[in-house]
Amino acid sequence: MFNLIEYESRLKCWSVFRENICTANDPITEVQNWYSQAPCHSLQYDPWNKDEWPTPWELIFHNVYCAFTVTLGIIYTLQLCPLFQDSKFYLNICQEDDTGMITYHFSINKKNYFNLDKKQILNSIEINHQN
């Protein structure tokens, strides 16, 4: 999807992918692997200001990702899968203990995804389901 030029093509590709993950054995890993293919750029949005965050469709439209928007894309994609319709999602802004680097992870129903062993969660922000 990330290499497609036309917005409508990316949107269709993302729609088909979302349909496929609903029947996947491990939908979370499937979505993580999908977004690992996105070329990462510098920070695109302020992670501390939820009001400025892009919608799922704006992410697909602009097609410019950073570590923060990759995590948002993962959350949005999972939220639109019926398997997760009753789940609570959080975007975790973390800081690595040894380097101080800020990273972004997510939680579903209070279960953390991505390795948080050496990270201190600075802020956890609930993300309501997108319609």
N, C-alpha and C. Protein backbone atom coordinates (compact mmCIF):
# COMPACT_ATOMS: atom_id res chain seq x y z
N MET A 1 0.82 -1.19 0.00
CA MET A 1 0.00 0.00 0.00
C MET A 1 0.86 1.26 0.00
N PHE A 2 1.95 1.23 0.71
CA PHE A 2 2.75 2.43 0.93
C PHE A 2 3.42 2.94 -0.34
N ASN A 3 3.57 2.07 -1.32
CA ASN A 3 4.21 2.48 -2.58
C ASN A 3 3.20 2.90 -3.64
N LEU A 4 1.92 2.82 -3.34
CA LEU A 4 0.89 3.20 -4.31
C LEU A 4 0.73 4.72 -4.35
N ILE A 5 0.60 5.26 -5.54
CA ILE A 5 0.57 6.71 -5.71
C ILE A 5 -0.83 7.28 -5.46
N GLU A 6 -1.86 6.64 -5.97
CA GLU A 6 -3.22 7.17 -5.88
C GLU A 6 -3.86 6.85 -4.52
N TYR A 7 -4.49 7.85 -3.94
CA TYR A 7 -5.18 7.69 -2.66
C TYR A 7 -6.20 6.56 -2.71
N GLU A 8 -7.02 6.54 -3.77
CA GLU A 8 -8.06 5.52 -3.89
C GLU A 8 -7.47 4.12 -3.93
N SER A 9 -6.31 3.96 -4.55
CA SER A 9 -5.64 2.66 -4.61
C SER A 9 -5.15 2.25 -3.22
N ARG A 10 -4.60 3.20 -2.48
CA ARG A 10 -4.15 2.90 -1.12
C ARG A 10 -5.34 2.54 -0.23
N LEU A 11 -6.42 3.29 -0.39
CA LEU A 11 -7.63 3.06 0.40
C LEU A 11 -8.19 1.66 0.13
N LYS A 12 -8.25 1.27 -1.13
CA LYS A 12 -8.75 -0.06 -1.50
C LYS A 12 -7.84 -1.16 -0.94
N CYS A 13 -6.54 -0.96 -1.08
CA CYS A 13 -5.57 -1.93 -0.57
C CYS A 13 -5.72 -2.09 0.95
N TRP A 14 -5.87 -0.99 1.65
CA TRP A 14 -6.04 -1.02 3.10
C TRP A 14 -7.35 -1.71 3.48
N SER A 15 -8.40 -1.48 2.71
CA SER A 15 -9.69 -2.11 2.96
C SER A 15 -9.59 -3.63 2.82
N VAL A 16 -8.95 -4.08 1.77
CA VAL A 16 -8.77 -5.53 1.55
C VAL A 16 -7.94 -6.13 2.68
N PHE A 17 -6.87 -5.42 3.07
CA PHE A 17 -6.03 -5.90 4.16
C PHE A 17 -6.85 -6.03 5.45
N ARG A 18 -7.66 -5.03 5.76
CA ARG A 18 -8.48 -5.08 6.97
C ARG A 18 -9.44 -6.26 6.94
N GLU A 19 -10.01 -6.56 5.79
CA GLU A 19 -10.89 -7.73 5.67
C GLU A 19 -10.13 -9.01 5.95
N ASN A 20 -8.90 -9.09 5.44
CA ASN A 20 -8.09 -10.30 5.61
C ASN A 20 -7.65 -10.53 7.04
N ILE A 21 -7.36 -9.46 7.77
CA ILE A 21 -6.88 -9.68 9.15
C ILE A 21 -7.98 -10.19 10.07
N CYS A 22 -9.22 -9.99 9.69
CA CYS A 22 -10.33 -10.48 10.52
C CYS A 22 -10.34 -11.99 10.64
N THR A 23 -9.72 -12.66 9.70
CA THR A 23 -9.67 -14.13 9.74
C THR A 23 -8.25 -14.65 9.97
N ALA A 24 -7.31 -13.77 10.24
CA ALA A 24 -5.92 -14.18 10.46
C ALA A 24 -5.77 -14.86 11.82
N ASN A 25 -4.81 -15.77 11.92
CA ASN A 25 -4.53 -16.44 13.20
C ASN A 25 -4.01 -15.45 14.24
N ASP A 26 -3.22 -14.48 13.79
CA ASP A 26 -2.64 -13.50 14.70
C ASP A 26 -2.76 -12.11 14.06
N PRO A 27 -3.94 -11.50 14.15
CA PRO A 27 -4.17 -10.23 13.46
C PRO A 27 -3.25 -9.11 13.93
N ILE A 28 -2.87 -9.12 15.19
CA ILE A 28 -2.02 -8.04 15.71
C ILE A 28 -0.65 -8.09 15.05
N THR A 29 -0.07 -9.28 14.98
CA THR A 29 1.23 -9.42 14.32
C THR A 29 1.13 -9.10 12.83
N GLU A 30 0.03 -9.50 12.21
CA GLU A 30 -0.17 -9.20 10.78
C GLU A 30 -0.14 -7.68 10.55
N VAL A 31 -0.83 -6.95 11.41
CA VAL A 31 -0.90 -5.49 11.26
C VAL A 31 0.46 -4.87 11.57
N GLN A 32 1.14 -5.35 12.59
CA GLN A 32 2.48 -4.84 12.90
C GLN A 32 3.43 -5.06 11.72
N ASN A 33 3.38 -6.24 11.13
CA ASN A 33 4.23 -6.53 9.97
C ASN A 33 3.89 -5.64 8.78
N TRP A 34 2.61 -5.41 8.56
CA TRP A 34 2.15 -4.55 7.46
C TRP A 34 2.74 -3.15 7.60
N TYR A 35 2.59 -2.57 8.79
CA TYR A 35 3.08 -1.21 9.01
C TYR A 35 4.59 -1.12 9.12
N SER A 36 5.26 -2.24 9.33
CA SER A 36 6.73 -2.22 9.35
C SER A 36 7.28 -1.93 7.95
N GLN A 37 6.44 -2.05 6.92
CA GLN A 37 6.84 -1.77 5.54
C GLN A 37 6.75 -0.28 5.20
N ALA A 38 6.12 0.51 6.07
CA ALA A 38 5.96 1.94 5.79
C ALA A 38 7.31 2.64 5.91
N PRO A 39 7.69 3.42 4.90
CA PRO A 39 8.93 4.20 5.04
C PRO A 39 8.74 5.25 6.14
N CYS A 40 9.68 5.31 7.07
CA CYS A 40 9.56 6.23 8.21
C CYS A 40 10.29 7.53 7.94
N HIS A 41 9.63 8.61 8.28
CA HIS A 41 10.18 9.96 8.15
C HIS A 41 10.29 10.55 9.55
N SER A 42 10.67 11.80 9.62
CA SER A 42 10.72 12.48 10.92
C SER A 42 9.30 12.65 11.46
N LEU A 43 9.20 13.01 12.71
CA LEU A 43 7.91 13.15 13.38
C LEU A 43 6.98 14.06 12.57
N GLN A 44 5.78 13.56 12.31
CA GLN A 44 4.81 14.27 11.46
C GLN A 44 3.74 15.03 12.24
N TYR A 45 3.45 14.58 13.46
CA TYR A 45 2.39 15.18 14.28
C TYR A 45 2.87 15.26 15.72
N ASP A 46 2.22 16.08 16.49
CA ASP A 46 2.55 16.21 17.90
C ASP A 46 1.86 15.10 18.68
N PRO A 47 2.60 14.12 19.18
CA PRO A 47 1.97 13.01 19.90
C PRO A 47 1.29 13.44 21.21
N TRP A 48 1.65 14.59 21.72
CA TRP A 48 1.09 15.06 22.98
C TRP A 48 -0.22 15.82 22.77
N ASN A 49 -0.59 16.12 21.54
CA ASN A 49 -1.80 16.89 21.26
C ASN A 49 -2.76 16.06 20.43
N LYS A 50 -3.61 15.31 21.12
CA LYS A 50 -4.53 14.39 20.46
C LYS A 50 -5.46 15.08 19.47
N ASP A 51 -5.78 16.34 19.72
CA ASP A 51 -6.68 17.08 18.83
C ASP A 51 -6.09 17.28 17.43
N GLU A 52 -4.79 17.20 17.32
CA GLU A 52 -4.13 17.40 16.03
C GLU A 52 -3.80 16.09 15.30
N TRP A 53 -4.10 14.97 15.93
CA TRP A 53 -3.77 13.70 15.31
C TRP A 53 -4.60 13.48 14.04
N PRO A 54 -4.02 12.85 13.03
CA PRO A 54 -4.79 12.57 11.81
C PRO A 54 -5.79 11.44 12.04
N THR A 55 -6.85 11.46 11.27
CA THR A 55 -7.80 10.34 11.26
C THR A 55 -7.17 9.20 10.46
N PRO A 56 -7.75 8.00 10.50
CA PRO A 56 -7.21 6.91 9.68
C PRO A 56 -7.16 7.27 8.20
N TRP A 57 -8.18 7.96 7.73
CA TRP A 57 -8.26 8.28 6.31
C TRP A 57 -7.26 9.37 5.93
N GLU A 58 -6.97 10.27 6.84
CA GLU A 58 -5.93 11.27 6.59
C GLU A 58 -4.55 10.61 6.53
N LEU A 59 -4.33 9.60 7.38
CA LEU A 59 -3.05 8.86 7.31
C LEU A 59 -2.87 8.23 5.94
N ILE A 60 -3.92 7.58 5.46
CA ILE A 60 -3.85 6.92 4.15
C ILE A 60 -3.69 7.96 3.05
N PHE A 61 -4.38 9.07 3.17
CA PHE A 61 -4.31 10.12 2.16
C PHE A 61 -2.89 10.69 2.05
N HIS A 62 -2.32 11.10 3.19
CA HIS A 62 -1.00 11.75 3.17
C HIS A 62 0.13 10.76 2.91
N ASN A 63 -0.02 9.53 3.41
CA ASN A 63 0.93 8.44 3.14
C ASN A 63 2.37 8.81 3.52
N VAL A 64 2.52 9.57 4.60
CA VAL A 64 3.84 9.92 5.14
C VAL A 64 3.81 9.50 6.60
N TYR A 65 4.68 8.57 6.94
CA TYR A 65 4.64 7.96 8.27
C TYR A 65 5.91 8.25 9.06
N CYS A 66 5.73 8.30 10.37
CA CYS A 66 6.84 8.38 11.32
C CYS A 66 6.56 7.30 12.37
N ALA A 67 7.43 7.14 13.33
CA ALA A 67 7.21 6.10 14.35
C ALA A 67 5.87 6.29 15.06
N PHE A 68 5.49 7.53 15.29
CA PHE A 68 4.22 7.81 15.96
C PHE A 68 3.03 7.43 15.08
N THR A 69 3.03 7.86 13.81
CA THR A 69 1.87 7.58 12.95
C THR A 69 1.81 6.12 12.52
N VAL A 70 2.93 5.42 12.52
CA VAL A 70 2.89 3.97 12.30
C VAL A 70 2.09 3.31 13.43
N THR A 71 2.36 3.73 14.66
CA THR A 71 1.62 3.18 15.79
C THR A 71 0.14 3.54 15.71
N LEU A 72 -0.16 4.78 15.34
CA LEU A 72 -1.56 5.17 15.13
C LEU A 72 -2.21 4.31 14.04
N GLY A 73 -1.50 4.10 12.95
CA GLY A 73 -2.03 3.28 11.86
C GLY A 73 -2.35 1.86 12.32
N ILE A 74 -1.49 1.30 13.13
CA ILE A 74 -1.73 -0.04 13.67
C ILE A 74 -3.01 -0.04 14.51
N ILE A 75 -3.13 0.94 15.39
CA ILE A 75 -4.31 1.02 16.25
C ILE A 75 -5.58 1.21 15.42
N TYR A 76 -5.56 2.17 14.49
CA TYR A 76 -6.74 2.42 13.67
C TYR A 76 -7.15 1.18 12.87
N THR A 77 -6.18 0.49 12.32
CA THR A 77 -6.48 -0.70 11.52
C THR A 77 -7.14 -1.77 12.38
N LEU A 78 -6.60 -2.00 13.56
CA LEU A 78 -7.18 -3.01 14.45
C LEU A 78 -8.56 -2.58 14.94
N GLN A 79 -8.75 -1.30 15.22
CA GLN A 79 -10.05 -0.83 15.69
C GLN A 79 -11.15 -1.06 14.66
N LEU A 80 -10.80 -1.03 13.39
CA LEU A 80 -11.79 -1.22 12.33
C LEU A 80 -12.05 -2.68 12.02
N CYS A 81 -11.38 -3.57 12.73
CA CYS A 81 -11.61 -5.01 12.58
C CYS A 81 -12.67 -5.43 13.60
N PRO A 82 -13.73 -6.12 13.17
CA PRO A 82 -14.79 -6.52 14.10
C PRO A 82 -14.29 -7.31 15.32
N LEU A 83 -13.17 -8.02 15.19
CA LEU A 83 -12.64 -8.78 16.32
C LEU A 83 -12.32 -7.89 17.52
N PHE A 84 -12.06 -6.62 17.27
CA PHE A 84 -11.63 -5.71 18.33
C PHE A 84 -12.67 -4.63 18.64
N GLN A 85 -13.91 -4.83 18.21
CA GLN A 85 -14.91 -3.77 18.34
C GLN A 85 -15.21 -3.41 19.80
N ASP A 86 -15.01 -4.32 20.72
CA ASP A 86 -15.28 -4.03 22.13
C ASP A 86 -14.01 -3.80 22.94
N SER A 87 -12.89 -3.65 22.27
CA SER A 87 -11.59 -3.49 22.94
C SER A 87 -11.30 -2.03 23.24
N LYS A 88 -10.50 -1.82 24.28
CA LYS A 88 -10.01 -0.48 24.61
C LYS A 88 -8.57 -0.37 24.13
N PHE A 89 -8.30 0.67 23.37
CA PHE A 89 -6.98 0.89 22.79
C PHE A 89 -6.33 2.11 23.45
N TYR A 90 -5.03 1.97 23.68
CA TYR A 90 -4.25 3.09 24.20
C TYR A 90 -2.97 3.22 23.38
N LEU A 91 -2.59 4.45 23.12
CA LEU A 91 -1.30 4.73 22.52
C LEU A 91 -0.39 5.14 23.68
N ASN A 92 0.72 4.44 23.84
CA ASN A 92 1.64 4.69 24.94
C ASN A 92 2.86 5.46 24.43
N ILE A 93 3.09 6.60 25.02
CA ILE A 93 4.30 7.37 24.73
C ILE A 93 5.31 6.93 25.78
N CYS A 94 6.40 6.35 25.34
CA CYS A 94 7.36 5.71 26.25
C CYS A 94 8.73 6.37 26.15
N GLN A 95 9.52 6.15 27.18
CA GLN A 95 10.89 6.63 27.18
C GLN A 95 11.80 5.47 27.58
N GLU A 96 12.81 5.22 26.75
CA GLU A 96 13.75 4.16 27.06
C GLU A 96 14.61 4.58 28.24
N ASP A 97 14.76 3.67 29.21
CA ASP A 97 15.53 3.98 30.41
C ASP A 97 16.99 4.27 30.12
N ASP A 98 17.58 3.50 29.21
CA ASP A 98 19.02 3.64 29.00
C ASP A 98 19.40 4.79 28.07
N THR A 99 18.55 5.14 27.10
CA THR A 99 18.91 6.20 26.14
C THR A 99 18.06 7.46 26.27
N GLY A 100 16.93 7.35 26.92
CA GLY A 100 16.02 8.49 27.03
C GLY A 100 15.20 8.72 25.77
N MET A 101 15.38 7.88 24.76
CA MET A 101 14.67 8.04 23.49
C MET A 101 13.16 7.81 23.68
N ILE A 102 12.36 8.66 23.03
CA ILE A 102 10.90 8.53 23.07
C ILE A 102 10.48 7.54 21.99
N THR A 103 9.62 6.59 22.37
CA THR A 103 9.09 5.61 21.43
C THR A 103 7.58 5.51 21.64
N TYR A 104 6.91 4.86 20.72
CA TYR A 104 5.45 4.78 20.74
C TYR A 104 5.05 3.32 20.64
N HIS A 105 4.14 2.92 21.51
CA HIS A 105 3.65 1.55 21.55
C HIS A 105 2.15 1.60 21.78
N PHE A 106 1.52 0.46 21.82
CA PHE A 106 0.08 0.47 22.04
C PHE A 106 -0.31 -0.64 23.00
N SER A 107 -1.48 -0.44 23.58
CA SER A 107 -2.07 -1.43 24.47
C SER A 107 -3.48 -1.71 24.00
N ILE A 108 -3.88 -2.95 24.14
CA ILE A 108 -5.26 -3.34 23.88
C ILE A 108 -5.75 -4.03 25.14
N ASN A 109 -6.81 -3.49 25.72
CA ASN A 109 -7.35 -4.03 26.98
C ASN A 109 -6.27 -4.20 28.03
N LYS A 110 -5.42 -3.21 28.14
CA LYS A 110 -4.33 -3.12 29.12
C LYS A 110 -3.19 -4.11 28.88
N LYS A 111 -3.17 -4.78 27.74
CA LYS A 111 -2.03 -5.63 27.39
C LYS A 111 -1.13 -4.83 26.45
N ASN A 112 0.14 -4.68 26.83
CA ASN A 112 1.08 -3.89 26.03
C ASN A 112 1.61 -4.70 24.86
N TYR A 113 1.77 -4.02 23.74
CA TYR A 113 2.37 -4.62 22.56
C TYR A 113 3.62 -3.85 22.19
N PHE A 114 4.59 -4.55 21.74
CA PHE A 114 5.98 -4.16 21.53
C PHE A 114 6.66 -4.32 22.88
N ASN A 115 7.94 -4.48 22.87
CA ASN A 115 8.68 -4.78 24.07
C ASN A 115 8.84 -3.53 24.93
N LEU A 116 8.25 -3.56 26.10
CA LEU A 116 8.32 -2.41 27.00
C LEU A 116 9.24 -2.66 28.20
N ASP A 117 10.07 -3.70 28.13
CA ASP A 117 10.89 -4.06 29.28
C ASP A 117 11.74 -2.92 29.82
N LYS A 118 12.36 -2.14 28.93
CA LYS A 118 13.27 -1.08 29.35
C LYS A 118 12.66 0.30 29.17
N LYS A 119 11.35 0.37 29.17
CA LYS A 119 10.71 1.65 28.88
C LYS A 119 9.82 2.07 30.03
N GLN A 120 9.77 3.35 30.23
CA GLN A 120 8.89 3.94 31.22
C GLN A 120 7.78 4.62 30.43
N ILE A 121 6.53 4.26 30.72
CA ILE A 121 5.42 4.89 30.03
C ILE A 121 5.23 6.29 30.61
N LEU A 122 5.37 7.30 29.74
CA LEU A 122 5.20 8.69 30.16
C LEU A 122 3.75 9.11 30.11
N ASN A 123 3.02 8.58 29.14
CA ASN A 123 1.63 8.95 28.98
C ASN A 123 0.92 7.84 28.22
N SER A 124 -0.29 7.56 28.61
CA SER A 124 -1.10 6.55 27.92
C SER A 124 -2.42 7.22 27.57
N ILE A 125 -2.72 7.27 26.27
CA ILE A 125 -3.87 8.03 25.79
C ILE A 125 -4.87 7.08 25.15
N GLU A 126 -6.10 7.08 25.66
CA GLU A 126 -7.12 6.22 25.07
C GLU A 126 -7.53 6.75 23.71
N ILE A 127 -7.69 5.85 22.76
CA ILE A 127 -8.10 6.22 21.42
C ILE A 127 -9.45 5.57 21.16
N ASN A 128 -10.47 6.40 20.99
CA ASN A 128 -11.80 5.90 20.75
C ASN A 128 -11.88 5.27 19.36
N HIS A 129 -12.82 4.35 19.20
CA HIS A 129 -13.00 3.69 17.92
C HIS A 129 -13.36 4.70 16.84
N GLN A 130 -12.77 4.51 15.67
CA GLN A 130 -13.02 5.37 14.52
C GLN A 130 -14.20 4.83 13.74
N ASN A 131 -15.07 5.69 13.29
CA ASN A 131 -16.23 5.27 12.50
C ASN A 131 -16.10 5.77 11.09
